[in-house]
Amino acid sequence: MSFFPEADYHTHEKEFQQILNDAINRLPEKQRQAFILSKQQFLKREEVAKGLNVSPETVKSNLERVMKSVRTYCQQQLKDLPFVLLLFFFSKNL
């Protein structure tokens, strides 16, 4: 069962991806690096910390800030899009 026509889903998915990329690009450098290493390259917190030459707790703190910032930015940009799609996208990509 589908809530939205297939073409609408793909259009929204591309739009979501662009907004997510914009949100990530707006992050401070260290936070962006932590996000990319952790969420896109799937490194463990300790590996990210070693790569960035910071403590694992700093990585944890940075990622908490990142998630809040990215979520807030995306919600502001996506306020007119269906909430169900927003939840699906975040669960899939973050």
PDB file of N, CA and C in Angstrom:
ATOM      1  N   MET A   1       0.847  -1.181   0.000  1.00  0.00           N
ATOM      2  CA  MET A   1       0.000   0.000   0.000  1.00  0.00           C
ATOM      3  C   MET A   1       0.883   1.232   0.000  1.00  0.00           C
ATOM      4  N   SER A   2       0.546   2.205  -0.812  1.00  0.00           N
ATOM      5  CA  SER A   2       1.333   3.417  -0.938  1.00  0.00           C
ATOM      6  C   SER A   2       0.476   4.630  -0.605  1.00  0.00           C
ATOM      7  N   PHE A   3       1.051   5.560   0.152  1.00  0.00           N
ATOM      8  CA  PHE A   3       0.348   6.788   0.498  1.00  0.00           C
ATOM      9  C   PHE A   3       0.399   7.793  -0.636  1.00  0.00           C
ATOM     10  N   PHE A   4       1.422   7.723  -1.467  1.00  0.00           N
ATOM     11  CA  PHE A   4       1.658   8.714  -2.495  1.00  0.00           C
ATOM     12  C   PHE A   4       1.988   8.028  -3.814  1.00  0.00           C
ATOM     13  N   PRO A   5       1.598   8.647  -4.927  1.00  0.00           N
ATOM     14  CA  PRO A   5       1.995   8.090  -6.225  1.00  0.00           C
ATOM     15  C   PRO A   5       3.515   8.006  -6.327  1.00  0.00           C
ATOM     16  N   GLU A   6       3.985   7.017  -7.056  1.00  0.00           N
ATOM     17  CA  GLU A   6       5.428   6.771  -7.192  1.00  0.00           C
ATOM     18  C   GLU A   6       6.192   8.010  -7.658  1.00  0.00           C
ATOM     19  N   ALA A   7       5.682   8.729  -8.628  1.00  0.00           N
ATOM     20  CA  ALA A   7       6.365   9.925  -9.142  1.00  0.00           C
ATOM     21  C   ALA A   7       6.483  10.990  -8.066  1.00  0.00           C
ATOM     22  N   ASP A   8       5.434  11.172  -7.259  1.00  0.00           N
ATOM     23  CA  ASP A   8       5.477  12.147  -6.169  1.00  0.00           C
ATOM     24  C   ASP A   8       6.542  11.763  -5.148  1.00  0.00           C
ATOM     25  N   TYR A   9       6.617  10.472  -4.843  1.00  0.00           N
ATOM     26  CA  TYR A   9       7.607  10.005  -3.875  1.00  0.00           C
ATOM     27  C   TYR A   9       9.022  10.336  -4.348  1.00  0.00           C
ATOM     28  N   HIS A  10       9.325  10.050  -5.596  1.00  0.00           N
ATOM     29  CA  HIS A  10      10.676  10.299  -6.112  1.00  0.00           C
ATOM     30  C   HIS A  10      10.982  11.788  -6.172  1.00  0.00           C
ATOM     31  N   THR A  11       9.997  12.589  -6.502  1.00  0.00           N
ATOM     32  CA  THR A  11      10.186  14.043  -6.511  1.00  0.00           C
ATOM     33  C   THR A  11      10.492  14.533  -5.111  1.00  0.00           C
ATOM     34  N   HIS A  12       9.715  14.074  -4.135  1.00  0.00           N
ATOM     35  CA  HIS A  12       9.940  14.485  -2.750  1.00  0.00           C
ATOM     36  C   HIS A  12      11.269  13.967  -2.221  1.00  0.00           C
ATOM     37  N   GLU A  13      11.633  12.751  -2.603  1.00  0.00           N
ATOM     38  CA  GLU A  13      12.899  12.192  -2.129  1.00  0.00           C
ATOM     39  C   GLU A  13      14.078  13.040  -2.607  1.00  0.00           C
ATOM     40  N   LYS A  14      14.055  13.475  -3.857  1.00  0.00           N
ATOM     41  CA  LYS A  14      15.119  14.332  -4.382  1.00  0.00           C
ATOM     42  C   LYS A  14      15.144  15.663  -3.645  1.00  0.00           C
ATOM     43  N   GLU A  15      13.979  16.195  -3.377  1.00  0.00           N
ATOM     44  CA  GLU A  15      13.881  17.457  -2.641  1.00  0.00           C
ATOM     45  C   GLU A  15      14.415  17.298  -1.217  1.00  0.00           C
ATOM     46  N   PHE A  16      14.047  16.196  -0.560  1.00  0.00           N
ATOM     47  CA  PHE A  16      14.558  15.921   0.785  1.00  0.00           C
ATOM     48  C   PHE A  16      16.078  15.836   0.782  1.00  0.00           C
ATOM     49  N   GLN A  17      16.616  15.121  -0.186  1.00  0.00           N
ATOM     50  CA  GLN A  17      18.067  14.931  -0.249  1.00  0.00           C
ATOM     51  C   GLN A  17      18.787  16.263  -0.420  1.00  0.00           C
ATOM     52  N   GLN A  18      18.264  17.136  -1.253  1.00  0.00           N
ATOM     53  CA  GLN A  18      18.882  18.451  -1.451  1.00  0.00           C
ATOM     54  C   GLN A  18      18.827  19.278  -0.167  1.00  0.00           C
ATOM     55  N   ILE A  19      17.701  19.237   0.514  1.00  0.00           N
ATOM     56  CA  ILE A  19      17.570  19.987   1.769  1.00  0.00           C
ATOM     57  C   ILE A  19      18.508  19.418   2.823  1.00  0.00           C
ATOM     58  N   LEU A  20      18.615  18.096   2.895  1.00  0.00           N
ATOM     59  CA  LEU A  20      19.541  17.476   3.843  1.00  0.00           C
ATOM     60  C   LEU A  20      20.978  17.876   3.526  1.00  0.00           C
ATOM     61  N   ASN A  21      21.344  17.859   2.257  1.00  0.00           N
ATOM     62  CA  ASN A  21      22.696  18.281   1.863  1.00  0.00           C
ATOM     63  C   ASN A  21      22.951  19.733   2.237  1.00  0.00           C
ATOM     64  N   ASP A  22      21.961  20.587   2.035  1.00  0.00           N
ATOM     65  CA  ASP A  22      22.096  21.993   2.421  1.00  0.00           C
ATOM     66  C   ASP A  22      22.306  22.124   3.927  1.00  0.00           C
ATOM     67  N   ALA A  23      21.540  21.364   4.693  1.00  0.00           N
ATOM     68  CA  ALA A  23      21.659  21.407   6.152  1.00  0.00           C
ATOM     69  C   ALA A  23      23.056  20.969   6.592  1.00  0.00           C
ATOM     70  N   ILE A  24      23.577  19.928   5.981  1.00  0.00           N
ATOM     71  CA  ILE A  24      24.909  19.425   6.328  1.00  0.00           C
ATOM     72  C   ILE A  24      25.978  20.437   5.939  1.00  0.00           C
ATOM     73  N   ASN A  25      25.842  21.037   4.784  1.00  0.00           N
ATOM     74  CA  ASN A  25      26.830  22.015   4.326  1.00  0.00           C
ATOM     75  C   ASN A  25      26.859  23.281   5.178  1.00  0.00           C
ATOM     76  N   ARG A  26      25.784  23.563   5.891  1.00  0.00           N
ATOM     77  CA  ARG A  26      25.713  24.748   6.751  1.00  0.00           C
ATOM     78  C   ARG A  26      26.380  24.525   8.112  1.00  0.00           C
ATOM     79  N   LEU A  27      26.716  23.308   8.419  1.00  0.00           N
ATOM     80  CA  LEU A  27      27.299  22.982   9.729  1.00  0.00           C
ATOM     81  C   LEU A  27      28.718  23.535   9.854  1.00  0.00           C
ATOM     82  N   PRO A  28      29.132  23.832  11.095  1.00  0.00           N
ATOM     83  CA  PRO A  28      30.544  24.156  11.317  1.00  0.00           C
ATOM     84  C   PRO A  28      31.420  22.975  10.888  1.00  0.00           C
ATOM     85  N   GLU A  29      32.629  23.251  10.482  1.00  0.00           N
ATOM     86  CA  GLU A  29      33.519  22.244   9.875  1.00  0.00           C
ATOM     87  C   GLU A  29      33.663  20.972  10.722  1.00  0.00           C
ATOM     88  N   LYS A  30      33.974  21.097  11.997  1.00  0.00           N
ATOM     89  CA  LYS A  30      34.182  19.905  12.851  1.00  0.00           C
ATOM     90  C   LYS A  30      32.904  19.080  12.968  1.00  0.00           C
ATOM     91  N   GLN A  31      31.773  19.745  13.090  1.00  0.00           N
ATOM     92  CA  GLN A  31      30.509  19.023  13.175  1.00  0.00           C
ATOM     93  C   GLN A  31      30.196  18.323  11.858  1.00  0.00           C
ATOM     94  N   ARG A  32      30.442  18.998  10.753  1.00  0.00           N
ATOM     95  CA  ARG A  32      30.209  18.394   9.439  1.00  0.00           C
ATOM     96  C   ARG A  32      31.101  17.157   9.263  1.00  0.00           C
ATOM     97  N   GLN A  33      32.363  17.273   9.643  1.00  0.00           N
ATOM     98  CA  GLN A  33      33.269  16.129   9.522  1.00  0.00           C
ATOM     99  C   GLN A  33      32.797  14.969  10.388  1.00  0.00           C
ATOM    100  N   ALA A  34      32.389  15.252  11.611  1.00  0.00           N
ATOM    101  CA  ALA A  34      31.904  14.201  12.509  1.00  0.00           C
ATOM    102  C   ALA A  34      30.673  13.522  11.916  1.00  0.00           C
ATOM    103  N   PHE A  35      29.778  14.319  11.360  1.00  0.00           N
ATOM    104  CA  PHE A  35      28.562  13.770  10.749  1.00  0.00           C
ATOM    105  C   PHE A  35      28.911  12.859   9.577  1.00  0.00           C
ATOM    106  N   ILE A  36      29.730  13.339   8.692  1.00  0.00           N
ATOM    107  CA  ILE A  36      30.084  12.570   7.494  1.00  0.00           C
ATOM    108  C   ILE A  36      30.755  11.254   7.876  1.00  0.00           C
ATOM    109  N   LEU A  37      31.708  11.322   8.786  1.00  0.00           N
ATOM    110  CA  LEU A  37      32.417  10.102   9.185  1.00  0.00           C
ATOM    111  C   LEU A  37      31.487   9.116   9.896  1.00  0.00           C
ATOM    112  N   SER A  38      30.620   9.635  10.749  1.00  0.00           N
ATOM    113  CA  SER A  38      29.757   8.774  11.536  1.00  0.00           C
ATOM    114  C   SER A  38      28.546   8.271  10.766  1.00  0.00           C
ATOM    115  N   LYS A  39      27.835   9.167  10.132  1.00  0.00           N
ATOM    116  CA  LYS A  39      26.548   8.812   9.530  1.00  0.00           C
ATOM    117  C   LYS A  39      26.615   8.415   8.065  1.00  0.00           C
ATOM    118  N   GLN A  40      27.629   8.889   7.359  1.00  0.00           N
ATOM    119  CA  GLN A  40      27.718   8.550   5.942  1.00  0.00           C
ATOM    120  C   GLN A  40      28.802   7.514   5.654  1.00  0.00           C
ATOM    121  N   GLN A  41      29.859   7.512   6.473  1.00  0.00           N
ATOM    122  CA  GLN A  41      30.908   6.511   6.290  1.00  0.00           C
ATOM    123  C   GLN A  41      30.824   5.406   7.339  1.00  0.00           C
ATOM    124  N   PHE A  42      29.866   5.521   8.254  1.00  0.00           N
ATOM    125  CA  PHE A  42      29.539   4.485   9.234  1.00  0.00           C
ATOM    126  C   PHE A  42      30.684   4.109  10.169  1.00  0.00           C
ATOM    127  N   LEU A  43      31.513   5.090  10.514  1.00  0.00           N
ATOM    128  CA  LEU A  43      32.575   4.831  11.481  1.00  0.00           C
ATOM    129  C   LEU A  43      32.016   4.887  12.895  1.00  0.00           C
ATOM    130  N   LYS A  44      32.621   4.126  13.791  1.00  0.00           N
ATOM    131  CA  LYS A  44      32.241   4.171  15.199  1.00  0.00           C
ATOM    132  C   LYS A  44      32.766   5.463  15.818  1.00  0.00           C
ATOM    133  N   ARG A  45      32.146   5.847  16.924  1.00  0.00           N
ATOM    134  CA  ARG A  45      32.516   7.097  17.589  1.00  0.00           C
ATOM    135  C   ARG A  45      34.015   7.167  17.894  1.00  0.00           C
ATOM    136  N   GLU A  46      34.587   6.082  18.339  1.00  0.00           N
ATOM    137  CA  GLU A  46      36.009   6.057  18.661  1.00  0.00           C
ATOM    138  C   GLU A  46      36.875   6.272  17.417  1.00  0.00           C
ATOM    139  N   GLU A  47      36.436   5.706  16.301  1.00  0.00           N
ATOM    140  CA  GLU A  47      37.154   5.888  15.034  1.00  0.00           C
ATOM    141  C   GLU A  47      37.068   7.334  14.550  1.00  0.00           C
ATOM    142  N   VAL A  48      35.900   7.917  14.698  1.00  0.00           N
ATOM    143  CA  VAL A  48      35.719   9.320  14.317  1.00  0.00           C
ATOM    144  C   VAL A  48      36.608  10.201  15.191  1.00  0.00           C
ATOM    145  N   ALA A  49      36.613   9.926  16.481  1.00  0.00           N
ATOM    146  CA  ALA A  49      37.430  10.707  17.423  1.00  0.00           C
ATOM    147  C   ALA A  49      38.904  10.633  17.054  1.00  0.00           C
ATOM    148  N   LYS A  50      39.369   9.454  16.748  1.00  0.00           N
ATOM    149  CA  LYS A  50      40.770   9.289  16.374  1.00  0.00           C
ATOM    150  C   LYS A  50      41.074  10.056  15.081  1.00  0.00           C
ATOM    151  N   GLY A  51      40.192   9.960  14.101  1.00  0.00           N
ATOM    152  CA  GLY A  51      40.394  10.643  12.826  1.00  0.00           C
ATOM    153  C   GLY A  51      40.375  12.159  12.949  1.00  0.00           C
ATOM    154  N   LEU A  52      39.592  12.675  13.889  1.00  0.00           N
ATOM    155  CA  LEU A  52      39.490  14.122  14.078  1.00  0.00           C
ATOM    156  C   LEU A  52      40.396  14.636  15.188  1.00  0.00           C
ATOM    157  N   ASN A  53      41.092  13.699  15.846  1.00  0.00           N
ATOM    158  CA  ASN A  53      42.007  14.048  16.936  1.00  0.00           C
ATOM    159  C   ASN A  53      41.271  14.763  18.076  1.00  0.00           C
ATOM    160  N   VAL A  54      40.125  14.190  18.454  1.00  0.00           N
ATOM    161  CA  VAL A  54      39.338  14.692  19.574  1.00  0.00           C
ATOM    162  C   VAL A  54      38.890  13.497  20.410  1.00  0.00           C
ATOM    163  N   SER A  55      38.281  13.772  21.545  1.00  0.00           N
ATOM    164  CA  SER A  55      37.803  12.682  22.399  1.00  0.00           C
ATOM    165  C   SER A  55      36.474  12.137  21.874  1.00  0.00           C
ATOM    166  N   PRO A  56      36.175  10.890  22.223  1.00  0.00           N
ATOM    167  CA  PRO A  56      34.877  10.334  21.839  1.00  0.00           C
ATOM    168  C   PRO A  56      33.704  11.148  22.397  1.00  0.00           C
ATOM    169  N   GLU A  57      33.890  11.731  23.561  1.00  0.00           N
ATOM    170  CA  GLU A  57      32.827  12.559  24.138  1.00  0.00           C
ATOM    171  C   GLU A  57      32.602  13.826  23.314  1.00  0.00           C
ATOM    172  N   THR A  58      33.669  14.373  22.745  1.00  0.00           N
ATOM    173  CA  THR A  58      33.528  15.541  21.869  1.00  0.00           C
ATOM    174  C   THR A  58      32.750  15.152  20.617  1.00  0.00           C
ATOM    175  N   VAL A  59      33.036  13.990  20.089  1.00  0.00           N
ATOM    176  CA  VAL A  59      32.300  13.498  18.920  1.00  0.00           C
ATOM    177  C   VAL A  59      30.829  13.333  19.282  1.00  0.00           C
ATOM    178  N   LYS A  60      30.553  12.727  20.426  1.00  0.00           N
ATOM    179  CA  LYS A  60      29.172  12.534  20.863  1.00  0.00           C
ATOM    180  C   LYS A  60      28.457  13.880  20.965  1.00  0.00           C
ATOM    181  N   SER A  61      29.090  14.841  21.593  1.00  0.00           N
ATOM    182  CA  SER A  61      28.511  16.172  21.751  1.00  0.00           C
ATOM    183  C   SER A  61      28.271  16.837  20.400  1.00  0.00           C
ATOM    184  N   ASN A  62      29.262  16.736  19.516  1.00  0.00           N
ATOM    185  CA  ASN A  62      29.114  17.319  18.176  1.00  0.00           C
ATOM    186  C   ASN A  62      27.963  16.675  17.414  1.00  0.00           C
ATOM    187  N   LEU A  63      27.845  15.366  17.500  1.00  0.00           N
ATOM    188  CA  LEU A  63      26.779  14.675  16.779  1.00  0.00           C
ATOM    189  C   LEU A  63      25.399  15.019  17.338  1.00  0.00           C
ATOM    190  N   GLU A  64      25.306  15.219  18.644  1.00  0.00           N
ATOM    191  CA  GLU A  64      24.037  15.645  19.236  1.00  0.00           C
ATOM    192  C   GLU A  64      23.649  17.017  18.689  1.00  0.00           C
ATOM    193  N   ARG A  65      24.607  17.924  18.610  1.00  0.00           N
ATOM    194  CA  ARG A  65      24.341  19.256  18.056  1.00  0.00           C
ATOM    195  C   ARG A  65      23.970  19.166  16.580  1.00  0.00           C
ATOM    196  N   VAL A  66      24.696  18.320  15.865  1.00  0.00           N
ATOM    197  CA  VAL A  66      24.426  18.140  14.433  1.00  0.00           C
ATOM    198  C   VAL A  66      22.997  17.667  14.207  1.00  0.00           C
ATOM    199  N   MET A  67      22.606  16.639  14.921  1.00  0.00           N
ATOM    200  CA  MET A  67      21.272  16.075  14.707  1.00  0.00           C
ATOM    201  C   MET A  67      20.194  17.106  15.003  1.00  0.00           C
ATOM    202  N   LYS A  68      20.368  17.860  16.062  1.00  0.00           N
ATOM    203  CA  LYS A  68      19.392  18.894  16.389  1.00  0.00           C
ATOM    204  C   LYS A  68      19.365  19.971  15.300  1.00  0.00           C
ATOM    205  N   SER A  69      20.519  20.409  14.874  1.00  0.00           N
ATOM    206  CA  SER A  69      20.616  21.452  13.863  1.00  0.00           C
ATOM    207  C   SER A  69      20.042  20.996  12.528  1.00  0.00           C
ATOM    208  N   VAL A  70      20.415  19.816  12.087  1.00  0.00           N
ATOM    209  CA  VAL A  70      19.942  19.279  10.808  1.00  0.00           C
ATOM    210  C   VAL A  70      18.433  19.066  10.857  1.00  0.00           C
ATOM    211  N   ARG A  71      17.956  18.490  11.945  1.00  0.00           N
ATOM    212  CA  ARG A  71      16.521  18.244  12.089  1.00  0.00           C
ATOM    213  C   ARG A  71      15.739  19.556  12.038  1.00  0.00           C
ATOM    214  N   THR A  72      16.198  20.556  12.770  1.00  0.00           N
ATOM    215  CA  THR A  72      15.516  21.854  12.802  1.00  0.00           C
ATOM    216  C   THR A  72      15.517  22.504  11.428  1.00  0.00           C
ATOM    217  N   TYR A  73      16.672  22.513  10.770  1.00  0.00           N
ATOM    218  CA  TYR A  73      16.768  23.119   9.439  1.00  0.00           C
ATOM    219  C   TYR A  73      15.826  22.412   8.460  1.00  0.00           C
ATOM    220  N   CYS A  74      15.855  21.101   8.459  1.00  0.00           N
ATOM    221  CA  CYS A  74      15.024  20.350   7.527  1.00  0.00           C
ATOM    222  C   CYS A  74      13.545  20.559   7.816  1.00  0.00           C
ATOM    223  N   GLN A  75      13.168  20.577   9.075  1.00  0.00           N
ATOM    224  CA  GLN A  75      11.766  20.803   9.408  1.00  0.00           C
ATOM    225  C   GLN A  75      11.305  22.180   8.942  1.00  0.00           C
ATOM    226  N   GLN A  76      12.159  23.168   9.078  1.00  0.00           N
ATOM    227  CA  GLN A  76      11.806  24.508   8.607  1.00  0.00           C
ATOM    228  C   GLN A  76      11.632  24.525   7.094  1.00  0.00           C
ATOM    229  N   GLN A  77      12.512  23.837   6.393  1.00  0.00           N
ATOM    230  CA  GLN A  77      12.454  23.819   4.931  1.00  0.00           C
ATOM    231  C   GLN A  77      11.321  22.947   4.396  1.00  0.00           C
ATOM    232  N   LEU A  78      10.948  21.956   5.157  1.00  0.00           N
ATOM    233  CA  LEU A  78       9.970  20.971   4.684  1.00  0.00           C
ATOM    234  C   LEU A  78       8.587  21.158   5.291  1.00  0.00           C
ATOM    235  N   LYS A  79       8.331  22.301   5.882  1.00  0.00           N
ATOM    236  CA  LYS A  79       7.080  22.489   6.617  1.00  0.00           C
ATOM    237  C   LYS A  79       5.830  22.257   5.773  1.00  0.00           C
ATOM    238  N   ASP A  80       5.941  22.388   4.467  1.00  0.00           N
ATOM    239  CA  ASP A  80       4.775  22.204   3.608  1.00  0.00           C
ATOM    240  C   ASP A  80       4.642  20.787   3.052  1.00  0.00           C
ATOM    241  N   LEU A  81       5.627  19.955   3.320  1.00  0.00           N
ATOM    242  CA  LEU A  81       5.573  18.590   2.799  1.00  0.00           C
ATOM    243  C   LEU A  81       4.960  17.653   3.832  1.00  0.00           C
ATOM    244  N   PRO A  82       4.406  16.556   3.387  1.00  0.00           N
ATOM    245  CA  PRO A  82       3.752  15.625   4.309  1.00  0.00           C
ATOM    246  C   PRO A  82       4.694  15.120   5.401  1.00  0.00           C
ATOM    247  N   PHE A  83       4.232  15.170   6.623  1.00  0.00           N
ATOM    248  CA  PHE A  83       5.020  14.763   7.780  1.00  0.00           C
ATOM    249  C   PHE A  83       5.421  13.292   7.706  1.00  0.00           C
ATOM    250  N   VAL A  84       4.562  12.455   7.179  1.00  0.00           N
ATOM    251  CA  VAL A  84       4.869  11.026   7.056  1.00  0.00           C
ATOM    252  C   VAL A  84       6.111  10.826   6.193  1.00  0.00           C
ATOM    253  N   LEU A  85       6.210  11.555   5.100  1.00  0.00           N
ATOM    254  CA  LEU A  85       7.388  11.442   4.239  1.00  0.00           C
ATOM    255  C   LEU A  85       8.629  11.931   4.956  1.00  0.00           C
ATOM    256  N   LEU A  86       8.501  12.988   5.734  1.00  0.00           N
ATOM    257  CA  LEU A  86       9.626  13.520   6.495  1.00  0.00           C
ATOM    258  C   LEU A  86      10.161  12.465   7.463  1.00  0.00           C
ATOM    259  N   LEU A  87       9.281  11.815   8.192  1.00  0.00           N
ATOM    260  CA  LEU A  87       9.698  10.775   9.134  1.00  0.00           C
ATOM    261  C   LEU A  87      10.371   9.612   8.411  1.00  0.00           C
ATOM    262  N   PHE A  88       9.804   9.198   7.309  1.00  0.00           N
ATOM    263  CA  PHE A  88      10.391   8.110   6.540  1.00  0.00           C
ATOM    264  C   PHE A  88      11.790   8.476   6.077  1.00  0.00           C
ATOM    265  N   PHE A  89      11.952   9.677   5.545  1.00  0.00           N
ATOM    266  CA  PHE A  89      13.234  10.104   5.037  1.00  0.00           C
ATOM    267  C   PHE A  89      14.290  10.153   6.130  1.00  0.00           C
ATOM    268  N   PHE A  90      13.949  10.722   7.299  1.00  0.00           N
ATOM    269  CA  PHE A  90      14.921  10.813   8.383  1.00  0.00           C
ATOM    270  C   PHE A  90      15.302   9.429   8.898  1.00  0.00           C
ATOM    271  N   SER A  91      14.360   8.527   8.985  1.00  0.00           N
ATOM    272  CA  SER A  91      14.689   7.190   9.475  1.00  0.00           C
ATOM    273  C   SER A  91      15.582   6.447   8.492  1.00  0.00           C
ATOM    274  N   LYS A  92      15.462   6.773   7.221  1.00  0.00           N
ATOM    275  CA  LYS A  92      16.246   6.106   6.178  1.00  0.00           C
ATOM    276  C   LYS A  92      17.649   6.707   6.038  1.00  0.00           C
ATOM    277  N   ASN A  93      17.778   8.029   6.186  1.00  0.00           N
ATOM    278  CA  ASN A  93      19.022   8.715   5.844  1.00  0.00           C
ATOM    279  C   ASN A  93      19.853   9.187   7.022  1.00  0.00           C
ATOM    280  N   LEU A  94      19.309   9.244   8.199  1.00  0.00           N
ATOM    281  CA  LEU A  94      20.109   9.686   9.336  1.00  0.00           C
ATOM    282  C   LEU A  94      20.273   8.533  10.254  1.00  0.00           C
TER     283      LEU A  94
END
